[in-house]
């Protein structure tokens, strides 16, 4: 689907287990294989607690997997230390769900935006004013916002500041963790348009964490659906509603409210609760909630198989 020469990050067999006080292991991510390409967005979708943020945190060195490798330009970032780690941090940035948690409320916007540039000696302190105005204009904020404090701005404006700070070092890859979920729908649309424009202009790869399949379908080039620490489907973002086939993916899509939806049809919810990550079932992780569950599903865990180029699904309904 994508040109392999544009491959930027390649995560292979990534697993993360957390030990508990009673000696058991909680599996947050289970044998994940994902690829990120230059200038493309991969949307990672799933319910809260499924392991989306845990996985993405590996890519920005906020946590490390128990097993597996993550290659960035052919080098395993999980093994990086010291000067090599410091050097590569500038190439991978993150935008958090609530930017206020990563802002120092006593710093002016210009200091927040330019802090990464000063840390990597990209600019001198005397150049901060001009650079801050330039970055703010890139995210469509007035230059005079540089002298404001975070509490003097709206949620949408603070999110733009967070994006400006993330692109300041001209990174190759940006992780966006629910970067629009706390915004009004109109503001959300504006921020998504801003992100896609900056991506086109600067050829940035983006990993976008989201709950909403309807939202991610509007701009992601590829979508990975995650359930209970497992990737159950990877598919093209374009025409997602026509190609998604895993029962869990279909259930997520059916839960999206849209003005064009058929309101004469009954809205089906996903029955039951996910099993505990401390006690994973031996078979398919979705087996206890799936209307198509068979005896095989209860005992044999399905593997991702390719249906068409760029489309993989882990479901026994689609395996011989």
C-alpha atoms as a PDB file:
ATOM      1  CA  UNK A   1       0.000   0.000   0.000  1.00  0.00           C
ATOM      2  CA  UNK A   2       2.839   2.391   0.898  1.00  0.00           C
ATOM      3  CA  UNK A   3       6.326   2.634  -0.568  1.00  0.00           C
ATOM      4  CA  UNK A   4       8.766   0.819   1.726  1.00  0.00           C
ATOM      5  CA  UNK A   5      11.431   3.445   1.050  1.00  0.00           C
ATOM      6  CA  UNK A   6       9.201   5.847   3.007  1.00  0.00           C
ATOM      7  CA  UNK A   7       9.108   3.553   6.046  1.00  0.00           C
ATOM      8  CA  UNK A   8      10.048   5.613   9.107  1.00  0.00           C
ATOM      9  CA  UNK A   9       9.152   3.541  12.195  1.00  0.00           C
ATOM     10  CA  UNK A  10       8.762  -0.222  12.284  1.00  0.00           C
ATOM     11  CA  UNK A  11       7.435  -1.794  15.515  1.00  0.00           C
ATOM     12  CA  UNK A  12       7.970  -5.551  15.658  1.00  0.00           C
ATOM     13  CA  UNK A  13       6.419  -7.956  18.184  1.00  0.00           C
ATOM     14  CA  UNK A  14       6.041  -5.251  20.819  1.00  0.00           C
ATOM     15  CA  UNK A  15       4.711  -6.544  24.137  1.00  0.00           C
ATOM     16  CA  UNK A  16       4.318  -4.803  27.487  1.00  0.00           C
ATOM     17  CA  UNK A  17       3.506  -6.571  30.735  1.00  0.00           C
ATOM     18  CA  UNK A  18       3.223  -4.893  34.134  1.00  0.00           C
ATOM     19  CA  UNK A  19       3.838  -6.921  37.313  1.00  0.00           C
ATOM     20  CA  UNK A  20       1.141  -6.658  39.977  1.00  0.00           C
ATOM     21  CA  UNK A  21       1.451  -6.798  43.758  1.00  0.00           C
ATOM     22  CA  UNK A  22       0.175 -10.385  43.854  1.00  0.00           C
ATOM     23  CA  UNK A  23       2.822 -11.615  41.401  1.00  0.00           C
ATOM     24  CA  UNK A  24       0.645 -11.775  38.298  1.00  0.00           C
ATOM     25  CA  UNK A  25       1.319  -9.971  35.014  1.00  0.00           C
ATOM     26  CA  UNK A  26      -1.004  -7.453  33.375  1.00  0.00           C
ATOM     27  CA  UNK A  27      -0.667  -7.518  29.590  1.00  0.00           C
ATOM     28  CA  UNK A  28      -1.159  -4.004  28.175  1.00  0.00           C
ATOM     29  CA  UNK A  29       0.206  -4.666  24.668  1.00  0.00           C
ATOM     30  CA  UNK A  30       0.441  -8.131  23.134  1.00  0.00           C
ATOM     31  CA  UNK A  31       2.734  -8.807  20.145  1.00  0.00           C
ATOM     32  CA  UNK A  32       2.016  -5.584  18.217  1.00  0.00           C
ATOM     33  CA  UNK A  33       3.405  -5.058  14.711  1.00  0.00           C
ATOM     34  CA  UNK A  34       2.809  -1.628  13.153  1.00  0.00           C
ATOM     35  CA  UNK A  35       4.552   0.563  10.581  1.00  0.00           C
ATOM     36  CA  UNK A  36       4.583   4.349  10.206  1.00  0.00           C
ATOM     37  CA  UNK A  37       5.433   6.043   6.898  1.00  0.00           C
ATOM     38  CA  UNK A  38       6.690   9.526   6.003  1.00  0.00           C
ATOM     39  CA  UNK A  39       3.874  11.975   5.329  1.00  0.00           C
ATOM     40  CA  UNK A  40       1.171   9.498   6.388  1.00  0.00           C
ATOM     41  CA  UNK A  41      -1.159   9.234   9.384  1.00  0.00           C
ATOM     42  CA  UNK A  42      -1.844   5.956  11.166  1.00  0.00           C
ATOM     43  CA  UNK A  43      -4.872   6.142  13.428  1.00  0.00           C
ATOM     44  CA  UNK A  44      -4.886   3.820  16.444  1.00  0.00           C
ATOM     45  CA  UNK A  45      -8.465   3.237  17.578  1.00  0.00           C
ATOM     46  CA  UNK A  46     -10.050   1.362  20.475  1.00  0.00           C
ATOM     47  CA  UNK A  47     -11.833   1.579  23.811  1.00  0.00           C
ATOM     48  CA  UNK A  48     -10.253   3.185  26.866  1.00  0.00           C
ATOM     49  CA  UNK A  49      -7.741   0.864  28.498  1.00  0.00           C
ATOM     50  CA  UNK A  50      -7.035  -1.199  25.387  1.00  0.00           C
ATOM     51  CA  UNK A  51      -3.330  -0.205  25.298  1.00  0.00           C
ATOM     52  CA  UNK A  52      -3.275   2.561  22.656  1.00  0.00           C
ATOM     53  CA  UNK A  53      -1.467   5.162  24.741  1.00  0.00           C
ATOM     54  CA  UNK A  54       0.843   2.557  26.278  1.00  0.00           C
ATOM     55  CA  UNK A  55       2.061   1.585  22.820  1.00  0.00           C
ATOM     56  CA  UNK A  56       2.499   5.151  21.582  1.00  0.00           C
ATOM     57  CA  UNK A  57       4.473   6.065  24.714  1.00  0.00           C
ATOM     58  CA  UNK A  58       7.161   3.617  23.582  1.00  0.00           C
ATOM     59  CA  UNK A  59       7.722   5.754  20.488  1.00  0.00           C
ATOM     60  CA  UNK A  60       8.584   8.854  22.539  1.00  0.00           C
ATOM     61  CA  UNK A  61      10.678   7.117  25.227  1.00  0.00           C
ATOM     62  CA  UNK A  62       8.087   7.612  27.994  1.00  0.00           C
ATOM     63  CA  UNK A  63       8.054   3.854  28.557  1.00  0.00           C
ATOM     64  CA  UNK A  64       9.781   0.755  27.200  1.00  0.00           C
ATOM     65  CA  UNK A  65       8.334  -2.560  26.001  1.00  0.00           C
ATOM     66  CA  UNK A  66       8.936  -5.814  27.857  1.00  0.00           C
ATOM     67  CA  UNK A  67       9.639  -7.537  24.543  1.00  0.00           C
ATOM     68  CA  UNK A  68      10.026  -6.521  20.923  1.00  0.00           C
ATOM     69  CA  UNK A  69      11.878  -3.932  18.830  1.00  0.00           C
ATOM     70  CA  UNK A  70      11.002  -0.504  17.436  1.00  0.00           C
ATOM     71  CA  UNK A  71      13.182   0.638  14.551  1.00  0.00           C
ATOM     72  CA  UNK A  72      13.569   4.315  13.607  1.00  0.00           C
ATOM     73  CA  UNK A  73      15.716   4.753  10.494  1.00  0.00           C
ATOM     74  CA  UNK A  74      16.884   1.196  11.026  1.00  0.00           C
ATOM     75  CA  UNK A  75      17.976   1.692  14.659  1.00  0.00           C
ATOM     76  CA  UNK A  76      16.169   0.152  17.622  1.00  0.00           C
ATOM     77  CA  UNK A  77      15.003   3.104  19.740  1.00  0.00           C
ATOM     78  CA  UNK A  78      14.373   0.850  22.760  1.00  0.00           C
ATOM     79  CA  UNK A  79      18.151   0.376  23.024  1.00  0.00           C
ATOM     80  CA  UNK A  80      19.125   4.045  22.670  1.00  0.00           C
ATOM     81  CA  UNK A  81      20.894   5.748  25.575  1.00  0.00           C
ATOM     82  CA  UNK A  82      22.918   8.858  26.362  1.00  0.00           C
ATOM     83  CA  UNK A  83      23.905  11.148  23.488  1.00  0.00           C
ATOM     84  CA  UNK A  84      22.198   8.981  20.859  1.00  0.00           C
ATOM     85  CA  UNK A  85      18.891   9.136  22.746  1.00  0.00           C
ATOM     86  CA  UNK A  86      19.187  12.911  23.233  1.00  0.00           C
ATOM     87  CA  UNK A  87      19.917  13.426  19.540  1.00  0.00           C
ATOM     88  CA  UNK A  88      16.924  11.389  18.384  1.00  0.00           C
ATOM     89  CA  UNK A  89      14.436  12.988  20.785  1.00  0.00           C
ATOM     90  CA  UNK A  90      14.256  16.051  18.549  1.00  0.00           C
ATOM     91  CA  UNK A  91      13.008  13.940  15.622  1.00  0.00           C
ATOM     92  CA  UNK A  92       9.997  12.476  17.475  1.00  0.00           C
ATOM     93  CA  UNK A  93       7.560  14.722  19.347  1.00  0.00           C
ATOM     94  CA  UNK A  94       4.203  14.363  21.104  1.00  0.00           C
ATOM     95  CA  UNK A  95       1.000  16.372  21.493  1.00  0.00           C
ATOM     96  CA  UNK A  96      -0.965  15.422  24.618  1.00  0.00           C
ATOM     97  CA  UNK A  97      -4.743  15.283  25.083  1.00  0.00           C
ATOM     98  CA  UNK A  98      -4.673  18.171  27.557  1.00  0.00           C
ATOM     99  CA  UNK A  99      -1.789  20.504  26.677  1.00  0.00           C
ATOM    100  CA  UNK A 100      -2.171  22.350  29.967  1.00  0.00           C
ATOM    101  CA  UNK A 101      -0.627  19.384  31.782  1.00  0.00           C
ATOM    102  CA  UNK A 102       2.605  19.863  29.825  1.00  0.00           C
ATOM    103  CA  UNK A 103       2.702  23.662  30.066  1.00  0.00           C
ATOM    104  CA  UNK A 104       4.379  25.585  32.854  1.00  0.00           C
ATOM    105  CA  UNK A 105       1.650  28.085  33.838  1.00  0.00           C
ATOM    106  CA  UNK A 106       4.324  30.639  34.803  1.00  0.00           C
ATOM    107  CA  UNK A 107       5.899  30.629  31.335  1.00  0.00           C
ATOM    108  CA  UNK A 108       4.759  32.852  28.499  1.00  0.00           C
ATOM    109  CA  UNK A 109       3.638  31.243  25.241  1.00  0.00           C
ATOM    110  CA  UNK A 110       6.834  32.291  23.479  1.00  0.00           C
ATOM    111  CA  UNK A 111       8.895  30.538  26.158  1.00  0.00           C
ATOM    112  CA  UNK A 112       6.766  27.384  25.910  1.00  0.00           C
ATOM    113  CA  UNK A 113       6.949  27.223  22.117  1.00  0.00           C
ATOM    114  CA  UNK A 114      10.666  27.949  21.920  1.00  0.00           C
ATOM    115  CA  UNK A 115      11.789  25.806  24.849  1.00  0.00           C
ATOM    116  CA  UNK A 116      12.677  22.791  22.620  1.00  0.00           C
ATOM    117  CA  UNK A 117      14.687  25.037  20.270  1.00  0.00           C
ATOM    118  CA  UNK A 118      16.663  26.485  23.165  1.00  0.00           C
ATOM    119  CA  UNK A 119      17.275  23.026  24.648  1.00  0.00           C
ATOM    120  CA  UNK A 120      18.819  21.820  21.390  1.00  0.00           C
ATOM    121  CA  UNK A 121      20.676  25.094  20.750  1.00  0.00           C
ATOM    122  CA  UNK A 122      18.720  25.755  17.566  1.00  0.00           C
ATOM    123  CA  UNK A 123      18.199  29.434  18.392  1.00  0.00           C
ATOM    124  CA  UNK A 124      19.662  32.063  20.714  1.00  0.00           C
ATOM    125  CA  UNK A 125      17.531  33.643  23.480  1.00  0.00           C
ATOM    126  CA  UNK A 126      17.609  36.920  21.541  1.00  0.00           C
ATOM    127  CA  UNK A 127      15.854  35.185  18.607  1.00  0.00           C
ATOM    128  CA  UNK A 128      12.998  33.805  20.700  1.00  0.00           C
ATOM    129  CA  UNK A 129      10.458  36.577  20.041  1.00  0.00           C
ATOM    130  CA  UNK A 130      10.729  36.388  16.255  1.00  0.00           C
ATOM    131  CA  UNK A 131      10.745  32.570  16.167  1.00  0.00           C
ATOM    132  CA  UNK A 132       7.739  32.295  18.483  1.00  0.00           C
ATOM    133  CA  UNK A 133       5.699  34.619  16.266  1.00  0.00           C
ATOM    134  CA  UNK A 134       6.714  32.630  13.196  1.00  0.00           C
ATOM    135  CA  UNK A 135       5.608  29.328  14.785  1.00  0.00           C
ATOM    136  CA  UNK A 136       2.340  30.789  16.066  1.00  0.00           C
ATOM    137  CA  UNK A 137       1.509  32.071  12.594  1.00  0.00           C
ATOM    138  CA  UNK A 138       2.121  28.551  11.246  1.00  0.00           C
ATOM    139  CA  UNK A 139      -0.704  27.285  13.453  1.00  0.00           C
ATOM    140  CA  UNK A 140      -2.861  30.293  12.560  1.00  0.00           C
ATOM    141  CA  UNK A 141      -2.524  32.201  15.835  1.00  0.00           C
ATOM    142  CA  UNK A 142      -1.726  35.931  15.994  1.00  0.00           C
ATOM    143  CA  UNK A 143       1.912  36.702  16.706  1.00  0.00           C
ATOM    144  CA  UNK A 144       1.016  38.877  19.693  1.00  0.00           C
ATOM    145  CA  UNK A 145      -0.174  35.735  21.507  1.00  0.00           C
ATOM    146  CA  UNK A 146       3.535  35.137  22.195  1.00  0.00           C
ATOM    147  CA  UNK A 147       3.369  37.342  25.286  1.00  0.00           C
ATOM    148  CA  UNK A 148       0.268  35.692  26.757  1.00  0.00           C
ATOM    149  CA  UNK A 149       0.121  33.013  29.432  1.00  0.00           C
ATOM    150  CA  UNK A 150      -1.675  29.657  28.898  1.00  0.00           C
ATOM    151  CA  UNK A 151      -4.581  30.569  31.197  1.00  0.00           C
ATOM    152  CA  UNK A 152      -5.364  33.557  28.944  1.00  0.00           C
ATOM    153  CA  UNK A 153      -6.212  31.253  26.024  1.00  0.00           C
ATOM    154  CA  UNK A 154      -9.068  28.914  25.079  1.00  0.00           C
ATOM    155  CA  UNK A 155      -8.696  25.129  24.870  1.00  0.00           C
ATOM    156  CA  UNK A 156      -8.436  25.215  21.085  1.00  0.00           C
ATOM    157  CA  UNK A 157      -5.806  27.932  21.192  1.00  0.00           C
ATOM    158  CA  UNK A 158      -3.751  26.011  23.750  1.00  0.00           C
ATOM    159  CA  UNK A 159      -3.907  22.922  21.550  1.00  0.00           C
ATOM    160  CA  UNK A 160      -2.550  24.989  18.642  1.00  0.00           C
ATOM    161  CA  UNK A 161       0.281  26.157  20.894  1.00  0.00           C
ATOM    162  CA  UNK A 162       1.030  22.513  21.720  1.00  0.00           C
ATOM    163  CA  UNK A 163       1.171  21.719  17.997  1.00  0.00           C
ATOM    164  CA  UNK A 164       3.421  24.732  17.380  1.00  0.00           C
ATOM    165  CA  UNK A 165       5.810  23.492  20.059  1.00  0.00           C
ATOM    166  CA  UNK A 166       5.743  19.963  18.592  1.00  0.00           C
ATOM    167  CA  UNK A 167       6.676  21.151  15.079  1.00  0.00           C
ATOM    168  CA  UNK A 168       9.267  23.690  16.282  1.00  0.00           C
ATOM    169  CA  UNK A 169      12.107  21.179  15.907  1.00  0.00           C
ATOM    170  CA  UNK A 170      10.752  20.082  12.501  1.00  0.00           C
ATOM    171  CA  UNK A 171      10.335  16.460  13.647  1.00  0.00           C
ATOM    172  CA  UNK A 172       9.830  13.533  11.313  1.00  0.00           C
ATOM    173  CA  UNK A 173       7.179  11.927  13.514  1.00  0.00           C
ATOM    174  CA  UNK A 174       4.522  13.261  15.900  1.00  0.00           C
ATOM    175  CA  UNK A 175       2.363  11.267  18.315  1.00  0.00           C
ATOM    176  CA  UNK A 176      -1.043  12.843  18.952  1.00  0.00           C
ATOM    177  CA  UNK A 177      -2.763  11.342  21.980  1.00  0.00           C
ATOM    178  CA  UNK A 178      -6.478  12.207  21.785  1.00  0.00           C
ATOM    179  CA  UNK A 179      -5.344  15.651  20.634  1.00  0.00           C
ATOM    180  CA  UNK A 180      -8.870  16.805  19.714  1.00  0.00           C
ATOM    181  CA  UNK A 181     -11.159  14.868  22.072  1.00  0.00           C
ATOM    182  CA  UNK A 182     -11.530  17.715  24.597  1.00  0.00           C
ATOM    183  CA  UNK A 183     -12.429  20.284  21.931  1.00  0.00           C
ATOM    184  CA  UNK A 184     -15.780  21.448  20.585  1.00  0.00           C
ATOM    185  CA  UNK A 185     -16.738  19.829  17.272  1.00  0.00           C
ATOM    186  CA  UNK A 186     -16.189  23.042  15.277  1.00  0.00           C
ATOM    187  CA  UNK A 187     -12.787  23.604  16.888  1.00  0.00           C
ATOM    188  CA  UNK A 188     -11.951  19.918  16.416  1.00  0.00           C
ATOM    189  CA  UNK A 189     -12.530  20.244  12.668  1.00  0.00           C
ATOM    190  CA  UNK A 190     -10.278  23.306  12.483  1.00  0.00           C
ATOM    191  CA  UNK A 191      -7.458  21.582  14.381  1.00  0.00           C
ATOM    192  CA  UNK A 192      -7.682  18.473  12.146  1.00  0.00           C
ATOM    193  CA  UNK A 193      -7.477  20.686   9.052  1.00  0.00           C
ATOM    194  CA  UNK A 194      -4.443  22.414  10.575  1.00  0.00           C
ATOM    195  CA  UNK A 195      -2.729  19.080  11.318  1.00  0.00           C
ATOM    196  CA  UNK A 196      -3.285  17.742   7.800  1.00  0.00           C
ATOM    197  CA  UNK A 197      -2.021  20.983   6.234  1.00  0.00           C
ATOM    198  CA  UNK A 198       1.172  20.940   8.292  1.00  0.00           C
ATOM    199  CA  UNK A 199       1.651  17.272   7.459  1.00  0.00           C
ATOM    200  CA  UNK A 200       1.474  17.986   3.722  1.00  0.00           C
ATOM    201  CA  UNK A 201       3.818  20.953   3.970  1.00  0.00           C
ATOM    202  CA  UNK A 202       6.442  19.255   6.144  1.00  0.00           C
ATOM    203  CA  UNK A 203       5.977  15.558   5.206  1.00  0.00           C
ATOM    204  CA  UNK A 204       5.461  14.564   8.862  1.00  0.00           C
ATOM    205  CA  UNK A 205       4.429  11.044   9.883  1.00  0.00           C
ATOM    206  CA  UNK A 206       1.677  11.046  12.513  1.00  0.00           C
ATOM    207  CA  UNK A 207       0.436   8.445  14.979  1.00  0.00           C
ATOM    208  CA  UNK A 208      -3.049   9.559  16.060  1.00  0.00           C
ATOM    209  CA  UNK A 209      -4.750   7.941  19.072  1.00  0.00           C
ATOM    210  CA  UNK A 210      -8.535   8.153  18.938  1.00  0.00           C
ATOM    211  CA  UNK A 211     -11.793   6.516  20.102  1.00  0.00           C
ATOM    212  CA  UNK A 212     -13.850   7.720  17.159  1.00  0.00           C
ATOM    213  CA  UNK A 213     -13.665   5.684  13.926  1.00  0.00           C
ATOM    214  CA  UNK A 214     -15.816   8.286  12.196  1.00  0.00           C
ATOM    215  CA  UNK A 215     -13.304  11.056  12.978  1.00  0.00           C
ATOM    216  CA  UNK A 216     -10.205   9.050  12.094  1.00  0.00           C
ATOM    217  CA  UNK A 217     -11.750   7.970   8.785  1.00  0.00           C
ATOM    218  CA  UNK A 218     -11.853  11.604   7.681  1.00  0.00           C
ATOM    219  CA  UNK A 219      -8.084  12.107   7.545  1.00  0.00           C
ATOM    220  CA  UNK A 220      -6.037   8.968   8.401  1.00  0.00           C
ATOM    221  CA  UNK A 221      -4.236   7.105   5.627  1.00  0.00           C
ATOM    222  CA  UNK A 222      -4.290   3.869   7.624  1.00  0.00           C
ATOM    223  CA  UNK A 223      -6.231   2.706  10.684  1.00  0.00           C
ATOM    224  CA  UNK A 224      -5.317   0.050  13.254  1.00  0.00           C
ATOM    225  CA  UNK A 225      -8.051  -1.204  15.589  1.00  0.00           C
ATOM    226  CA  UNK A 226      -6.913  -2.336  19.034  1.00  0.00           C
ATOM    227  CA  UNK A 227      -8.768  -4.508  21.526  1.00  0.00           C
ATOM    228  CA  UNK A 228      -7.473  -5.693  24.886  1.00  0.00           C
ATOM    229  CA  UNK A 229      -3.848  -5.077  23.938  1.00  0.00           C
ATOM    230  CA  UNK A 230      -4.144  -6.752  20.525  1.00  0.00           C
ATOM    231  CA  UNK A 231      -4.290  -5.339  17.004  1.00  0.00           C
ATOM    232  CA  UNK A 232      -7.389  -6.981  15.520  1.00  0.00           C
ATOM    233  CA  UNK A 233      -7.502  -5.147  12.189  1.00  0.00           C
ATOM    234  CA  UNK A 234      -5.306  -2.865  10.058  1.00  0.00           C
ATOM    235  CA  UNK A 235      -6.940  -1.235   7.044  1.00  0.00           C
ATOM    236  CA  UNK A 236      -6.825   1.749   4.686  1.00  0.00           C
ATOM    237  CA  UNK A 237      -8.367   4.906   6.104  1.00  0.00           C
ATOM    238  CA  UNK A 238     -10.132   5.809   2.873  1.00  0.00           C
ATOM    239  CA  UNK A 239     -13.464   4.033   2.558  1.00  0.00           C
ATOM    240  CA  UNK A 240     -13.010   2.506   5.981  1.00  0.00           C
ATOM    241  CA  UNK A 241     -16.733   1.924   6.481  1.00  0.00           C
ATOM    242  CA  UNK A 242     -16.807  -0.219   3.335  1.00  0.00           C
ATOM    243  CA  UNK A 243     -13.758  -2.372   4.044  1.00  0.00           C
ATOM    244  CA  UNK A 244     -13.684  -2.942   7.828  1.00  0.00           C
ATOM    245  CA  UNK A 245     -14.786  -6.487   8.607  1.00  0.00           C
ATOM    246  CA  UNK A 246     -13.674  -7.568  12.105  1.00  0.00           C
ATOM    247  CA  UNK A 247     -16.781  -7.866  14.336  1.00  0.00           C
ATOM    248  CA  UNK A 248     -15.253  -5.428  16.830  1.00  0.00           C
ATOM    249  CA  UNK A 249     -14.382  -2.880  14.116  1.00  0.00           C
ATOM    250  CA  UNK A 250     -17.911  -3.137  12.744  1.00  0.00           C
ATOM    251  CA  UNK A 251     -19.349  -2.614  16.235  1.00  0.00           C
ATOM    252  CA  UNK A 252     -17.195   0.485  16.769  1.00  0.00           C
ATOM    253  CA  UNK A 253     -18.290   1.897  13.428  1.00  0.00           C
ATOM    254  CA  UNK A 254     -21.948   1.211  14.208  1.00  0.00           C
ATOM    255  CA  UNK A 255     -21.629   3.261  17.402  1.00  0.00           C
ATOM    256  CA  UNK A 256     -20.748   6.438  15.457  1.00  0.00           C
ATOM    257  CA  UNK A 257     -23.596   8.986  15.314  1.00  0.00           C
ATOM    258  CA  UNK A 258     -23.826  10.770  11.977  1.00  0.00           C
ATOM    259  CA  UNK A 259     -26.379  13.135  10.426  1.00  0.00           C
ATOM    260  CA  UNK A 260     -26.532  10.827   7.386  1.00  0.00           C
ATOM    261  CA  UNK A 261     -27.191   7.651   9.383  1.00  0.00           C
ATOM    262  CA  UNK A 262     -30.385   5.647   8.975  1.00  0.00           C
ATOM    263  CA  UNK A 263     -32.368   6.466  12.131  1.00  0.00           C
ATOM    264  CA  UNK A 264     -34.934   3.745  11.355  1.00  0.00           C
ATOM    265  CA  UNK A 265     -32.336   1.087  12.209  1.00  0.00           C
ATOM    266  CA  UNK A 266     -31.817  -0.021  15.785  1.00  0.00           C
ATOM    267  CA  UNK A 267     -28.486   1.004  17.327  1.00  0.00           C
ATOM    268  CA  UNK A 268     -26.721  -2.146  18.512  1.00  0.00           C
ATOM    269  CA  UNK A 269     -24.380  -1.991  21.469  1.00  0.00           C
ATOM    270  CA  UNK A 270     -21.500  -4.354  22.199  1.00  0.00           C
ATOM    271  CA  UNK A 271     -22.773  -6.801  24.787  1.00  0.00           C
ATOM    272  CA  UNK A 272     -20.758  -7.864  27.809  1.00  0.00           C
ATOM    273  CA  UNK A 273     -17.509  -6.529  29.234  1.00  0.00           C
ATOM    274  CA  UNK A 274     -13.918  -7.034  28.120  1.00  0.00           C
ATOM    275  CA  UNK A 275     -12.118  -9.762  30.096  1.00  0.00           C
ATOM    276  CA  UNK A 276      -9.489  -8.693  32.604  1.00  0.00           C
ATOM    277  CA  UNK A 277      -6.007  -8.112  31.138  1.00  0.00           C
ATOM    278  CA  UNK A 278      -4.817 -10.074  34.187  1.00  0.00           C
ATOM    279  CA  UNK A 279      -6.703 -13.137  32.972  1.00  0.00           C
ATOM    280  CA  UNK A 280      -6.697 -13.171  29.188  1.00  0.00           C
ATOM    281  CA  UNK A 281      -8.739 -15.876  27.436  1.00  0.00           C
ATOM    282  CA  UNK A 282      -6.760 -18.553  25.531  1.00  0.00           C
ATOM    283  CA  UNK A 283      -8.537 -17.846  22.264  1.00  0.00           C
ATOM    284  CA  UNK A 284      -9.723 -14.655  20.569  1.00  0.00           C
ATOM    285  CA  UNK A 285      -9.732 -11.721  23.031  1.00  0.00           C
ATOM    286  CA  UNK A 286     -13.140 -10.631  21.649  1.00  0.00           C
ATOM    287  CA  UNK A 287     -14.717 -14.099  21.871  1.00  0.00           C
ATOM    288  CA  UNK A 288     -16.940 -13.454  24.924  1.00  0.00           C
ATOM    289  CA  UNK A 289     -18.604 -10.435  23.227  1.00  0.00           C
ATOM    290  CA  UNK A 290     -18.667 -11.558  19.596  1.00  0.00           C
ATOM    291  CA  UNK A 291     -22.002 -12.632  18.050  1.00  0.00           C
ATOM    292  CA  UNK A 292     -20.093 -14.890  15.613  1.00  0.00           C
ATOM    293  CA  UNK A 293     -18.035 -16.744  18.255  1.00  0.00           C
ATOM    294  CA  UNK A 294     -17.381 -20.439  17.591  1.00  0.00           C
ATOM    295  CA  UNK A 295     -15.670 -23.145  19.602  1.00  0.00           C
ATOM    296  CA  UNK A 296     -12.483 -22.507  17.642  1.00  0.00           C
ATOM    297  CA  UNK A 297     -12.578 -18.827  18.664  1.00  0.00           C
ATOM    298  CA  UNK A 298     -12.688 -19.799  22.346  1.00  0.00           C
ATOM    299  CA  UNK A 299      -9.554 -21.938  22.160  1.00  0.00           C
ATOM    300  CA  UNK A 300      -7.391 -20.661  19.297  1.00  0.00           C
ATOM    301  CA  UNK A 301      -6.175 -17.083  19.090  1.00  0.00           C
ATOM    302  CA  UNK A 302      -6.433 -15.759  15.502  1.00  0.00           C
ATOM    303  CA  UNK A 303      -3.422 -14.177  13.809  1.00  0.00           C
ATOM    304  CA  UNK A 304      -3.428 -11.198  11.473  1.00  0.00           C
ATOM    305  CA  UNK A 305      -3.869 -12.375   7.887  1.00  0.00           C
ATOM    306  CA  UNK A 306      -3.811 -10.230   4.763  1.00  0.00           C
ATOM    307  CA  UNK A 307      -7.124  -9.960   2.933  1.00  0.00           C
ATOM    308  CA  UNK A 308      -6.009  -7.368   0.381  1.00  0.00           C
ATOM    309  CA  UNK A 309      -2.872  -5.178   0.150  1.00  0.00           C
ATOM    310  CA  UNK A 310      -2.849  -2.939   3.231  1.00  0.00           C
ATOM    311  CA  UNK A 311      -5.747  -4.763   4.895  1.00  0.00           C
ATOM    312  CA  UNK A 312      -5.126  -7.346   7.631  1.00  0.00           C
ATOM    313  CA  UNK A 313      -7.602  -8.893  10.053  1.00  0.00           C
ATOM    314  CA  UNK A 314      -7.275 -11.257  13.033  1.00  0.00           C
ATOM    315  CA  UNK A 315     -10.516 -13.249  12.906  1.00  0.00           C
ATOM    316  CA  UNK A 316     -11.275 -16.914  12.214  1.00  0.00           C
ATOM    317  CA  UNK A 317     -14.202 -15.852  10.010  1.00  0.00           C
ATOM    318  CA  UNK A 318     -11.620 -14.807   7.410  1.00  0.00           C
ATOM    319  CA  UNK A 319      -9.136 -17.679   7.684  1.00  0.00           C
ATOM    320  CA  UNK A 320      -9.310 -21.044   5.994  1.00  0.00           C
END
